[in-house]
Amino acid sequence: MTAETATAGVARSVTIDIGADNMAFDTDTITVPAGAEVTVNFDNRDDSVPHNVSFYTDSSAADAIFVGDLITGPDRVTQTFTAPAEPGTYYFQCDVHPFMNGAFIVEQA
């Protein structure tokens, strides 16, 4: 789920709710406007398993947009970062379990 707000002259802000359960994220696509302030509410529901949500320029995970805090479930964390200004398809993953991943789509604002 994504909530979005905008104010004249101020960059948009969006809130992303994402969960991890049974070694999988509950979504494989996250879409935000370019340049938005992104608040990520991450809910790790995997008991005694560490996960995070990190955002990268591509699936090589070499160039980070934002690296999320590692938390061991069950636990929740809220973090904020700025989405790229350039629209395009980027990438998100759990750094501990890279098979947990998806498309991070940045759309024209």
PDB file of N, CA and C in Angstrom:
ATOM      1  N   MET A   1       0.846  -1.175   0.000  1.00  0.00           N
ATOM      2  CA  MET A   1       0.000   0.000   0.000  1.00  0.00           C
ATOM      3  C   MET A   1       0.888   1.234   0.000  1.00  0.00           C
ATOM      4  N   THR A   2       0.493   2.238  -0.750  1.00  0.00           N
ATOM      5  CA  THR A   2       1.247   3.475  -0.839  1.00  0.00           C
ATOM      6  C   THR A   2       0.323   4.640  -0.557  1.00  0.00           C
ATOM      7  N   ALA A   3       0.725   5.515   0.352  1.00  0.00           N
ATOM      8  CA  ALA A   3      -0.006   6.746   0.622  1.00  0.00           C
ATOM      9  C   ALA A   3       0.822   7.883   0.063  1.00  0.00           C
ATOM     10  N   GLU A   4       0.162   8.898  -0.514  1.00  0.00           N
ATOM     11  CA  GLU A   4       0.889   9.961  -1.176  1.00  0.00           C
ATOM     12  C   GLU A   4       0.322  11.318  -0.797  1.00  0.00           C
ATOM     13  N   THR A   5       1.207  12.290  -0.574  1.00  0.00           N
ATOM     14  CA  THR A   5       0.778  13.658  -0.301  1.00  0.00           C
ATOM     15  C   THR A   5       1.633  14.599  -1.117  1.00  0.00           C
ATOM     16  N   ALA A   6       1.077  15.763  -1.448  1.00  0.00           N
ATOM     17  CA  ALA A   6       1.825  16.776  -2.183  1.00  0.00           C
ATOM     18  C   ALA A   6       1.374  18.148  -1.728  1.00  0.00           C
ATOM     19  N   THR A   7       2.322  19.068  -1.677  1.00  0.00           N
ATOM     20  CA  THR A   7       2.041  20.445  -1.327  1.00  0.00           C
ATOM     21  C   THR A   7       2.681  21.317  -2.393  1.00  0.00           C
ATOM     22  N   ALA A   8       2.037  22.408  -2.780  1.00  0.00           N
ATOM     23  CA  ALA A   8       2.573  23.289  -3.811  1.00  0.00           C
ATOM     24  C   ALA A   8       3.999  23.690  -3.466  1.00  0.00           C
ATOM     25  N   GLY A   9       4.924  23.502  -4.426  1.00  0.00           N
ATOM     26  CA  GLY A   9       6.306  23.901  -4.230  1.00  0.00           C
ATOM     27  C   GLY A   9       7.146  22.949  -3.404  1.00  0.00           C
ATOM     28  N   VAL A  10       6.552  21.852  -2.928  1.00  0.00           N
ATOM     29  CA  VAL A  10       7.271  20.894  -2.088  1.00  0.00           C
ATOM     30  C   VAL A  10       7.219  19.531  -2.771  1.00  0.00           C
ATOM     31  N   ALA A  11       8.336  18.819  -2.729  1.00  0.00           N
ATOM     32  CA  ALA A  11       8.385  17.483  -3.316  1.00  0.00           C
ATOM     33  C   ALA A  11       7.354  16.576  -2.656  1.00  0.00           C
ATOM     34  N   ARG A  12       6.852  15.648  -3.407  1.00  0.00           N
ATOM     35  CA  ARG A  12       5.885  14.684  -2.883  1.00  0.00           C
ATOM     36  C   ARG A  12       6.516  13.799  -1.828  1.00  0.00           C
ATOM     37  N   SER A  13       5.664  13.291  -0.986  1.00  0.00           N
ATOM     38  CA  SER A  13       6.113  12.271  -0.045  1.00  0.00           C
ATOM     39  C   SER A  13       5.181  11.078  -0.172  1.00  0.00           C
ATOM     40  N   VAL A  14       5.746   9.900  -0.060  1.00  0.00           N
ATOM     41  CA  VAL A  14       4.968   8.667  -0.151  1.00  0.00           C
ATOM     42  C   VAL A  14       5.356   7.763   1.006  1.00  0.00           C
ATOM     43  N   THR A  15       4.412   6.933   1.415  1.00  0.00           N
ATOM     44  CA  THR A  15       4.665   5.941   2.452  1.00  0.00           C
ATOM     45  C   THR A  15       4.430   4.565   1.856  1.00  0.00           C
ATOM     46  N   ILE A  16       5.403   3.709   2.023  1.00  0.00           N
ATOM     47  CA  ILE A  16       5.368   2.336   1.523  1.00  0.00           C
ATOM     48  C   ILE A  16       5.281   1.402   2.719  1.00  0.00           C
ATOM     49  N   ASP A  17       4.331   0.493   2.695  1.00  0.00           N
ATOM     50  CA  ASP A  17       4.235  -0.564   3.700  1.00  0.00           C
ATOM     51  C   ASP A  17       4.660  -1.861   3.022  1.00  0.00           C
ATOM     52  N   ILE A  18       5.703  -2.505   3.548  1.00  0.00           N
ATOM     53  CA  ILE A  18       6.183  -3.760   2.981  1.00  0.00           C
ATOM     54  C   ILE A  18       6.476  -4.730   4.117  1.00  0.00           C
ATOM     55  N   GLY A  19       6.117  -5.979   3.899  1.00  0.00           N
ATOM     56  CA  GLY A  19       6.342  -7.001   4.915  1.00  0.00           C
ATOM     57  C   GLY A  19       7.145  -8.160   4.369  1.00  0.00           C
ATOM     58  N   ALA A  20       7.792  -8.867   5.286  1.00  0.00           N
ATOM     59  CA  ALA A  20       8.496 -10.111   4.962  1.00  0.00           C
ATOM     60  C   ALA A  20       7.855 -11.212   5.792  1.00  0.00           C
ATOM     61  N   ASP A  21       7.478 -12.296   5.117  1.00  0.00           N
ATOM     62  CA  ASP A  21       6.852 -13.431   5.787  1.00  0.00           C
ATOM     63  C   ASP A  21       7.178 -14.689   4.985  1.00  0.00           C
ATOM     64  N   ASN A  22       7.593 -15.734   5.672  1.00  0.00           N
ATOM     65  CA  ASN A  22       7.967 -16.990   5.016  1.00  0.00           C
ATOM     66  C   ASN A  22       9.025 -16.766   3.941  1.00  0.00           C
ATOM     67  N   MET A  23      10.033 -15.942   4.272  1.00  0.00           N
ATOM     68  CA  MET A  23      11.186 -15.693   3.403  1.00  0.00           C
ATOM     69  C   MET A  23      10.798 -15.063   2.059  1.00  0.00           C
ATOM     70  N   ALA A  24       9.757 -14.213   2.084  1.00  0.00           N
ATOM     71  CA  ALA A  24       9.336 -13.511   0.873  1.00  0.00           C
ATOM     72  C   ALA A  24       8.745 -12.156   1.243  1.00  0.00           C
ATOM     73  N   PHE A  25       8.968 -11.160   0.369  1.00  0.00           N
ATOM     74  CA  PHE A  25       8.279  -9.887   0.536  1.00  0.00           C
ATOM     75  C   PHE A  25       6.833 -10.053   0.094  1.00  0.00           C
ATOM     76  N   ASP A  26       5.950  -9.207   0.618  1.00  0.00           N
ATOM     77  CA  ASP A  26       4.536  -9.289   0.242  1.00  0.00           C
ATOM     78  C   ASP A  26       4.220  -8.504  -1.027  1.00  0.00           C
ATOM     79  N   THR A  27       5.238  -7.998  -1.709  1.00  0.00           N
ATOM     80  CA  THR A  27       5.079  -7.344  -3.005  1.00  0.00           C
ATOM     81  C   THR A  27       6.346  -7.547  -3.810  1.00  0.00           C
ATOM     82  N   ASP A  28       6.217  -7.496  -5.132  1.00  0.00           N
ATOM     83  CA  ASP A  28       7.404  -7.569  -5.970  1.00  0.00           C
ATOM     84  C   ASP A  28       7.576  -6.301  -6.810  1.00  0.00           C
ATOM     85  N   THR A  29       6.705  -5.289  -6.551  1.00  0.00           N
ATOM     86  CA  THR A  29       6.807  -4.012  -7.253  1.00  0.00           C
ATOM     87  C   THR A  29       6.469  -2.874  -6.302  1.00  0.00           C
ATOM     88  N   ILE A  30       7.329  -1.872  -6.273  1.00  0.00           N
ATOM     89  CA  ILE A  30       7.094  -0.650  -5.512  1.00  0.00           C
ATOM     90  C   ILE A  30       7.206   0.504  -6.501  1.00  0.00           C
ATOM     91  N   THR A  31       6.202   1.380  -6.527  1.00  0.00           N
ATOM     92  CA  THR A  31       6.186   2.506  -7.459  1.00  0.00           C
ATOM     93  C   THR A  31       6.062   3.806  -6.690  1.00  0.00           C
ATOM     94  N   VAL A  32       6.942   4.770  -7.015  1.00  0.00           N
ATOM     95  CA  VAL A  32       6.950   6.083  -6.360  1.00  0.00           C
ATOM     96  C   VAL A  32       7.206   7.159  -7.410  1.00  0.00           C
ATOM     97  N   PRO A  33       6.843   8.422  -7.111  1.00  0.00           N
ATOM     98  CA  PRO A  33       7.182   9.509  -8.033  1.00  0.00           C
ATOM     99  C   PRO A  33       8.667   9.887  -7.926  1.00  0.00           C
ATOM    100  N   ALA A  34       9.224  10.367  -9.025  1.00  0.00           N
ATOM    101  CA  ALA A  34      10.622  10.797  -9.046  1.00  0.00           C
ATOM    102  C   ALA A  34      10.860  11.885  -8.009  1.00  0.00           C
ATOM    103  N   GLY A  35      11.959  11.767  -7.276  1.00  0.00           N
ATOM    104  CA  GLY A  35      12.350  12.769  -6.297  1.00  0.00           C
ATOM    105  C   GLY A  35      11.543  12.803  -5.019  1.00  0.00           C
ATOM    106  N   ALA A  36      10.628  11.864  -4.845  1.00  0.00           N
ATOM    107  CA  ALA A  36       9.760  11.852  -3.659  1.00  0.00           C
ATOM    108  C   ALA A  36      10.541  11.484  -2.404  1.00  0.00           C
ATOM    109  N   GLU A  37      10.091  12.010  -1.280  1.00  0.00           N
ATOM    110  CA  GLU A  37      10.568  11.540   0.010  1.00  0.00           C
ATOM    111  C   GLU A  37       9.790  10.263   0.301  1.00  0.00           C
ATOM    112  N   VAL A  38      10.492   9.159   0.447  1.00  0.00           N
ATOM    113  CA  VAL A  38       9.879   7.842   0.615  1.00  0.00           C
ATOM    114  C   VAL A  38      10.058   7.389   2.059  1.00  0.00           C
ATOM    115  N   THR A  39       8.941   7.135   2.725  1.00  0.00           N
ATOM    116  CA  THR A  39       8.968   6.543   4.062  1.00  0.00           C
ATOM    117  C   THR A  39       8.610   5.069   3.907  1.00  0.00           C
ATOM    118  N   VAL A  40       9.488   4.205   4.391  1.00  0.00           N
ATOM    119  CA  VAL A  40       9.295   2.758   4.298  1.00  0.00           C
ATOM    120  C   VAL A  40       8.957   2.227   5.687  1.00  0.00           C
ATOM    121  N   ASN A  41       7.766   1.646   5.813  1.00  0.00           N
ATOM    122  CA  ASN A  41       7.375   0.918   7.027  1.00  0.00           C
ATOM    123  C   ASN A  41       7.603  -0.558   6.723  1.00  0.00           C
ATOM    124  N   PHE A  42       8.672  -1.113   7.298  1.00  0.00           N
ATOM    125  CA  PHE A  42       9.027  -2.503   7.025  1.00  0.00           C
ATOM    126  C   PHE A  42       8.667  -3.370   8.219  1.00  0.00           C
ATOM    127  N   ASP A  43       7.871  -4.407   7.969  1.00  0.00           N
ATOM    128  CA  ASP A  43       7.400  -5.335   8.996  1.00  0.00           C
ATOM    129  C   ASP A  43       7.988  -6.718   8.722  1.00  0.00           C
ATOM    130  N   ASN A  44       8.992  -7.098   9.500  1.00  0.00           N
ATOM    131  CA  ASN A  44       9.605  -8.419   9.375  1.00  0.00           C
ATOM    132  C   ASN A  44       8.833  -9.378  10.275  1.00  0.00           C
ATOM    133  N   ARG A  45       8.051 -10.258   9.661  1.00  0.00           N
ATOM    134  CA  ARG A  45       7.230 -11.210  10.404  1.00  0.00           C
ATOM    135  C   ARG A  45       7.879 -12.589  10.525  1.00  0.00           C
ATOM    136  N   ASP A  46       9.106 -12.741   9.997  1.00  0.00           N
ATOM    137  CA  ASP A  46       9.810 -14.021  10.080  1.00  0.00           C
ATOM    138  C   ASP A  46      10.533 -14.123  11.421  1.00  0.00           C
ATOM    139  N   ASP A  47      10.029 -15.012  12.285  1.00  0.00           N
ATOM    140  CA  ASP A  47      10.557 -15.178  13.641  1.00  0.00           C
ATOM    141  C   ASP A  47      12.034 -15.580  13.614  1.00  0.00           C
ATOM    142  N   SER A  48      12.862 -14.782  14.283  1.00  0.00           N
ATOM    143  CA  SER A  48      14.304 -15.032  14.454  1.00  0.00           C
ATOM    144  C   SER A  48      15.104 -14.984  13.153  1.00  0.00           C
ATOM    145  N   VAL A  49      14.553 -14.355  12.120  1.00  0.00           N
ATOM    146  CA  VAL A  49      15.240 -14.259  10.836  1.00  0.00           C
ATOM    147  C   VAL A  49      15.544 -12.787  10.549  1.00  0.00           C
ATOM    148  N   PRO A  50      16.801 -12.460  10.219  1.00  0.00           N
ATOM    149  CA  PRO A  50      17.143 -11.077   9.889  1.00  0.00           C
ATOM    150  C   PRO A  50      16.778 -10.748   8.439  1.00  0.00           C
ATOM    151  N   HIS A  51      16.185  -9.561   8.236  1.00  0.00           N
ATOM    152  CA  HIS A  51      15.868  -9.049   6.900  1.00  0.00           C
ATOM    153  C   HIS A  51      16.070  -7.541   6.900  1.00  0.00           C
ATOM    154  N   ASN A  52      16.189  -6.988   5.710  1.00  0.00           N
ATOM    155  CA  ASN A  52      16.110  -5.552   5.502  1.00  0.00           C
ATOM    156  C   ASN A  52      15.503  -5.308   4.130  1.00  0.00           C
ATOM    157  N   VAL A  53      15.265  -4.038   3.807  1.00  0.00           N
ATOM    158  CA  VAL A  53      14.823  -3.655   2.471  1.00  0.00           C
ATOM    159  C   VAL A  53      15.787  -2.573   2.004  1.00  0.00           C
ATOM    160  N   SER A  54      16.513  -2.877   0.935  1.00  0.00           N
ATOM    161  CA  SER A  54      17.476  -1.935   0.372  1.00  0.00           C
ATOM    162  C   SER A  54      17.126  -1.683  -1.085  1.00  0.00           C
ATOM    163  N   PHE A  55      17.462  -0.488  -1.556  1.00  0.00           N
ATOM    164  CA  PHE A  55      17.125  -0.048  -2.907  1.00  0.00           C
ATOM    165  C   PHE A  55      18.416   0.244  -3.666  1.00  0.00           C
ATOM    166  N   TYR A  56      18.493  -0.261  -4.904  1.00  0.00           N
ATOM    167  CA  TYR A  56      19.703  -0.158  -5.717  1.00  0.00           C
ATOM    168  C   TYR A  56      19.366   0.308  -7.130  1.00  0.00           C
ATOM    169  N   THR A  57      20.406   0.744  -7.844  1.00  0.00           N
ATOM    170  CA  THR A  57      20.192   1.186  -9.220  1.00  0.00           C
ATOM    171  C   THR A  57      19.839   0.019 -10.145  1.00  0.00           C
ATOM    172  N   ASP A  58      20.329  -1.186  -9.834  1.00  0.00           N
ATOM    173  CA  ASP A  58      20.013  -2.371 -10.641  1.00  0.00           C
ATOM    174  C   ASP A  58      20.264  -3.631  -9.813  1.00  0.00           C
ATOM    175  N   SER A  59      20.034  -4.783 -10.430  1.00  0.00           N
ATOM    176  CA  SER A  59      20.098  -6.048  -9.694  1.00  0.00           C
ATOM    177  C   SER A  59      21.513  -6.467  -9.296  1.00  0.00           C
ATOM    178  N   SER A  60      22.532  -5.774  -9.770  1.00  0.00           N
ATOM    179  CA  SER A  60      23.895  -6.093  -9.314  1.00  0.00           C
ATOM    180  C   SER A  60      24.086  -5.673  -7.855  1.00  0.00           C
ATOM    181  N   ALA A  61      23.215  -4.787  -7.369  1.00  0.00           N
ATOM    182  CA  ALA A  61      23.262  -4.256  -5.999  1.00  0.00           C
ATOM    183  C   ALA A  61      24.613  -3.613  -5.696  1.00  0.00           C
ATOM    184  N   ALA A  62      25.251  -3.069  -6.728  1.00  0.00           N
ATOM    185  CA  ALA A  62      26.547  -2.425  -6.551  1.00  0.00           C
ATOM    186  C   ALA A  62      26.408  -0.963  -6.140  1.00  0.00           C
ATOM    187  N   ASP A  63      25.391  -0.283  -6.667  1.00  0.00           N
ATOM    188  CA  ASP A  63      25.192   1.141  -6.386  1.00  0.00           C
ATOM    189  C   ASP A  63      23.898   1.333  -5.597  1.00  0.00           C
ATOM    190  N   ALA A  64      24.050   1.647  -4.325  1.00  0.00           N
ATOM    191  CA  ALA A  64      22.895   1.777  -3.435  1.00  0.00           C
ATOM    192  C   ALA A  64      22.213   3.130  -3.583  1.00  0.00           C
ATOM    193  N   ILE A  65      20.903   3.090  -3.586  1.00  0.00           N
ATOM    194  CA  ILE A  65      20.081   4.294  -3.447  1.00  0.00           C
ATOM    195  C   ILE A  65      19.819   4.511  -1.961  1.00  0.00           C
ATOM    196  N   PHE A  66      19.498   3.408  -1.275  1.00  0.00           N
ATOM    197  CA  PHE A  66      19.243   3.431   0.165  1.00  0.00           C
ATOM    198  C   PHE A  66      19.415   2.017   0.704  1.00  0.00           C
ATOM    199  N   VAL A  67      20.178   1.865   1.788  1.00  0.00           N
ATOM    200  CA  VAL A  67      20.353   0.563   2.442  1.00  0.00           C
ATOM    201  C   VAL A  67      19.605   0.597   3.758  1.00  0.00           C
ATOM    202  N   GLY A  68      18.595  -0.259   3.873  1.00  0.00           N
ATOM    203  CA  GLY A  68      17.763  -0.299   5.067  1.00  0.00           C
ATOM    204  C   GLY A  68      18.434  -1.014   6.227  1.00  0.00           C
ATOM    205  N   ASP A  69      17.983  -0.661   7.429  1.00  0.00           N
ATOM    206  CA  ASP A  69      18.488  -1.301   8.644  1.00  0.00           C
ATOM    207  C   ASP A  69      18.083  -2.768   8.687  1.00  0.00           C
ATOM    208  N   LEU A  70      19.000  -3.597   9.130  1.00  0.00           N
ATOM    209  CA  LEU A  70      18.747  -5.019   9.321  1.00  0.00           C
ATOM    210  C   LEU A  70      18.005  -5.208  10.641  1.00  0.00           C
ATOM    211  N   ILE A  71      16.851  -5.900  10.573  1.00  0.00           N
ATOM    212  CA  ILE A  71      16.101  -6.196  11.797  1.00  0.00           C
ATOM    213  C   ILE A  71      15.772  -7.684  11.831  1.00  0.00           C
ATOM    214  N   THR A  72      15.745  -8.242  13.038  1.00  0.00           N
ATOM    215  CA  THR A  72      15.407  -9.652  13.226  1.00  0.00           C
ATOM    216  C   THR A  72      13.976  -9.733  13.714  1.00  0.00           C
ATOM    217  N   GLY A  73      13.174 -10.528  13.002  1.00  0.00           N
ATOM    218  CA  GLY A  73      11.738 -10.602  13.283  1.00  0.00           C
ATOM    219  C   GLY A  73      11.405 -11.439  14.492  1.00  0.00           C
ATOM    220  N   PRO A  74      10.222 -11.203  14.995  1.00  0.00           N
ATOM    221  CA  PRO A  74       9.298 -10.185  14.503  1.00  0.00           C
ATOM    222  C   PRO A  74       9.692  -8.792  15.006  1.00  0.00           C
ATOM    223  N   ASP A  75       9.715  -7.852  14.067  1.00  0.00           N
ATOM    224  CA  ASP A  75      10.052  -6.471  14.405  1.00  0.00           C
ATOM    225  C   ASP A  75       9.614  -5.575  13.254  1.00  0.00           C
ATOM    226  N   ARG A  76       9.528  -4.279  13.544  1.00  0.00           N
ATOM    227  CA  ARG A  76       9.158  -3.268  12.541  1.00  0.00           C
ATOM    228  C   ARG A  76      10.161  -2.126  12.607  1.00  0.00           C
ATOM    229  N   VAL A  77      10.380  -1.496  11.457  1.00  0.00           N
ATOM    230  CA  VAL A  77      11.237  -0.317  11.405  1.00  0.00           C
ATOM    231  C   VAL A  77      10.645   0.650  10.375  1.00  0.00           C
ATOM    232  N   THR A  78      10.792   1.938  10.636  1.00  0.00           N
ATOM    233  CA  THR A  78      10.375   2.977   9.700  1.00  0.00           C
ATOM    234  C   THR A  78      11.606   3.796   9.347  1.00  0.00           C
ATOM    235  N   GLN A  79      11.837   3.971   8.040  1.00  0.00           N
ATOM    236  CA  GLN A  79      13.006   4.696   7.553  1.00  0.00           C
ATOM    237  C   GLN A  79      12.597   5.570   6.366  1.00  0.00           C
ATOM    238  N   THR A  80      13.364   6.617   6.115  1.00  0.00           N
ATOM    239  CA  THR A  80      13.033   7.554   5.050  1.00  0.00           C
ATOM    240  C   THR A  80      14.250   7.802   4.161  1.00  0.00           C
ATOM    241  N   PHE A  81      13.996   7.921   2.852  1.00  0.00           N
ATOM    242  CA  PHE A  81      15.044   8.270   1.892  1.00  0.00           C
ATOM    243  C   PHE A  81      14.399   9.025   0.730  1.00  0.00           C
ATOM    244  N   THR A  82      15.218   9.590  -0.130  1.00  0.00           N
ATOM    245  CA  THR A  82      14.735  10.318  -1.296  1.00  0.00           C
ATOM    246  C   THR A  82      14.883   9.445  -2.538  1.00  0.00           C
ATOM    247  N   ALA A  83      13.790   9.297  -3.282  1.00  0.00           N
ATOM    248  CA  ALA A  83      13.805   8.512  -4.521  1.00  0.00           C
ATOM    249  C   ALA A  83      14.660   9.219  -5.569  1.00  0.00           C
ATOM    250  N   PRO A  84      15.211   8.478  -6.514  1.00  0.00           N
ATOM    251  CA  PRO A  84      15.972   9.109  -7.590  1.00  0.00           C
ATOM    252  C   PRO A  84      15.125  10.144  -8.340  1.00  0.00           C
ATOM    253  N   ALA A  85      15.778  11.175  -8.832  1.00  0.00           N
ATOM    254  CA  ALA A  85      15.094  12.209  -9.604  1.00  0.00           C
ATOM    255  C   ALA A  85      14.807  11.739 -11.025  1.00  0.00           C
ATOM    256  N   GLU A  86      15.559  10.760 -11.480  1.00  0.00           N
ATOM    257  CA  GLU A  86      15.424  10.237 -12.835  1.00  0.00           C
ATOM    258  C   GLU A  86      14.433   9.069 -12.861  1.00  0.00           C
ATOM    259  N   PRO A  87      13.318   9.200 -13.611  1.00  0.00           N
ATOM    260  CA  PRO A  87      12.390   8.074 -13.724  1.00  0.00           C
ATOM    261  C   PRO A  87      13.077   6.851 -14.321  1.00  0.00           C
ATOM    262  N   GLY A  88      12.615   5.696 -13.926  1.00  0.00           N
ATOM    263  CA  GLY A  88      13.163   4.459 -14.460  1.00  0.00           C
ATOM    264  C   GLY A  88      12.815   3.289 -13.564  1.00  0.00           C
ATOM    265  N   THR A  89      13.284   2.118 -13.957  1.00  0.00           N
ATOM    266  CA  THR A  89      13.069   0.913 -13.162  1.00  0.00           C
ATOM    267  C   THR A  89      14.369   0.582 -12.448  1.00  0.00           C
ATOM    268  N   TYR A  90      14.287   0.585 -11.141  1.00  0.00           N
ATOM    269  CA  TYR A  90      15.414   0.294 -10.271  1.00  0.00           C
ATOM    270  C   TYR A  90      15.139  -1.060  -9.605  1.00  0.00           C
ATOM    271  N   TYR A  91      15.693  -1.308  -8.436  1.00  0.00           N
ATOM    272  CA  TYR A  91      15.671  -2.649  -7.853  1.00  0.00           C
ATOM    273  C   TYR A  91      15.639  -2.553  -6.333  1.00  0.00           C
ATOM    274  N   PHE A  92      14.907  -3.463  -5.684  1.00  0.00           N
ATOM    275  CA  PHE A  92      14.991  -3.573  -4.230  1.00  0.00           C
ATOM    276  C   PHE A  92      15.206  -5.024  -3.847  1.00  0.00           C
ATOM    277  N   GLN A  93      15.821  -5.232  -2.669  1.00  0.00           N
ATOM    278  CA  GLN A  93      16.090  -6.590  -2.200  1.00  0.00           C
ATOM    279  C   GLN A  93      16.331  -6.592  -0.702  1.00  0.00           C
ATOM    280  N   CYS A  94      16.293  -7.798  -0.127  1.00  0.00           N
ATOM    281  CA  CYS A  94      16.807  -8.054   1.217  1.00  0.00           C
ATOM    282  C   CYS A  94      18.286  -8.388   1.029  1.00  0.00           C
ATOM    283  N   ASP A  95      19.161  -7.662   1.711  1.00  0.00           N
ATOM    284  CA  ASP A  95      20.594  -7.894   1.519  1.00  0.00           C
ATOM    285  C   ASP A  95      21.060  -9.233   2.085  1.00  0.00           C
ATOM    286  N   VAL A  96      20.352  -9.767   3.054  1.00  0.00           N
ATOM    287  CA  VAL A  96      20.707 -11.074   3.620  1.00  0.00           C
ATOM    288  C   VAL A  96      20.226 -12.199   2.708  1.00  0.00           C
ATOM    289  N   HIS A  97      19.072 -11.990   2.091  1.00  0.00           N
ATOM    290  CA  HIS A  97      18.442 -12.998   1.229  1.00  0.00           C
ATOM    291  C   HIS A  97      18.112 -12.343  -0.121  1.00  0.00           C
ATOM    292  N   PRO A  98      19.095 -12.194  -1.018  1.00  0.00           N
ATOM    293  CA  PRO A  98      18.875 -11.466  -2.267  1.00  0.00           C
ATOM    294  C   PRO A  98      17.806 -12.057  -3.185  1.00  0.00           C
ATOM    295  N   PHE A  99      17.397 -13.303  -2.932  1.00  0.00           N
ATOM    296  CA  PHE A  99      16.291 -13.875  -3.717  1.00  0.00           C
ATOM    297  C   PHE A  99      14.968 -13.193  -3.371  1.00  0.00           C
ATOM    298  N   MET A 100      14.941 -12.460  -2.271  1.00  0.00           N
ATOM    299  CA  MET A 100      13.785 -11.629  -1.922  1.00  0.00           C
ATOM    300  C   MET A 100      14.027 -10.280  -2.598  1.00  0.00           C
ATOM    301  N   ASN A 101      13.349 -10.014  -3.709  1.00  0.00           N
ATOM    302  CA  ASN A 101      13.641  -8.813  -4.472  1.00  0.00           C
ATOM    303  C   ASN A 101      12.458  -8.393  -5.330  1.00  0.00           C
ATOM    304  N   GLY A 102      12.611  -7.251  -5.983  1.00  0.00           N
ATOM    305  CA  GLY A 102      11.561  -6.764  -6.859  1.00  0.00           C
ATOM    306  C   GLY A 102      11.962  -5.513  -7.588  1.00  0.00           C
ATOM    307  N   ALA A 103      11.030  -4.993  -8.377  1.00  0.00           N
ATOM    308  CA  ALA A 103      11.247  -3.790  -9.166  1.00  0.00           C
ATOM    309  C   ALA A 103      10.854  -2.561  -8.357  1.00  0.00           C
ATOM    310  N   PHE A 104      11.732  -1.571  -8.333  1.00  0.00           N
ATOM    311  CA  PHE A 104      11.487  -0.272  -7.711  1.00  0.00           C
ATOM    312  C   PHE A 104      11.307   0.705  -8.870  1.00  0.00           C
ATOM    313  N   ILE A 105      10.052   1.054  -9.145  1.00  0.00           N
ATOM    314  CA  ILE A 105       9.717   1.883 -10.303  1.00  0.00           C
ATOM    315  C   ILE A 105       9.555   3.323  -9.874  1.00  0.00           C
ATOM    316  N   VAL A 106      10.344   4.188 -10.500  1.00  0.00           N
ATOM    317  CA  VAL A 106      10.277   5.628 -10.233  1.00  0.00           C
ATOM    318  C   VAL A 106       9.626   6.273 -11.454  1.00  0.00           C
ATOM    319  N   GLU A 107       8.458   6.882 -11.238  1.00  0.00           N
ATOM    320  CA  GLU A 107       7.687   7.484 -12.322  1.00  0.00           C
ATOM    321  C   GLU A 107       7.878   8.988 -12.352  1.00  0.00           C
ATOM    322  N   GLN A 108       7.664   9.563 -13.508  1.00  0.00           N
ATOM    323  CA  GLN A 108       7.715  11.019 -13.648  1.00  0.00           C
ATOM    324  C   GLN A 108       6.763  11.641 -12.653  1.00  0.00           C
ATOM    325  N   ALA A 109       7.240  12.624 -11.904  1.00  0.00           N
ATOM    326  CA  ALA A 109       6.419  13.273 -10.865  1.00  0.00           C
ATOM    327  C   ALA A 109       5.357  14.156 -11.481  1.00  0.00           C
TER     328      ALA A 109
END
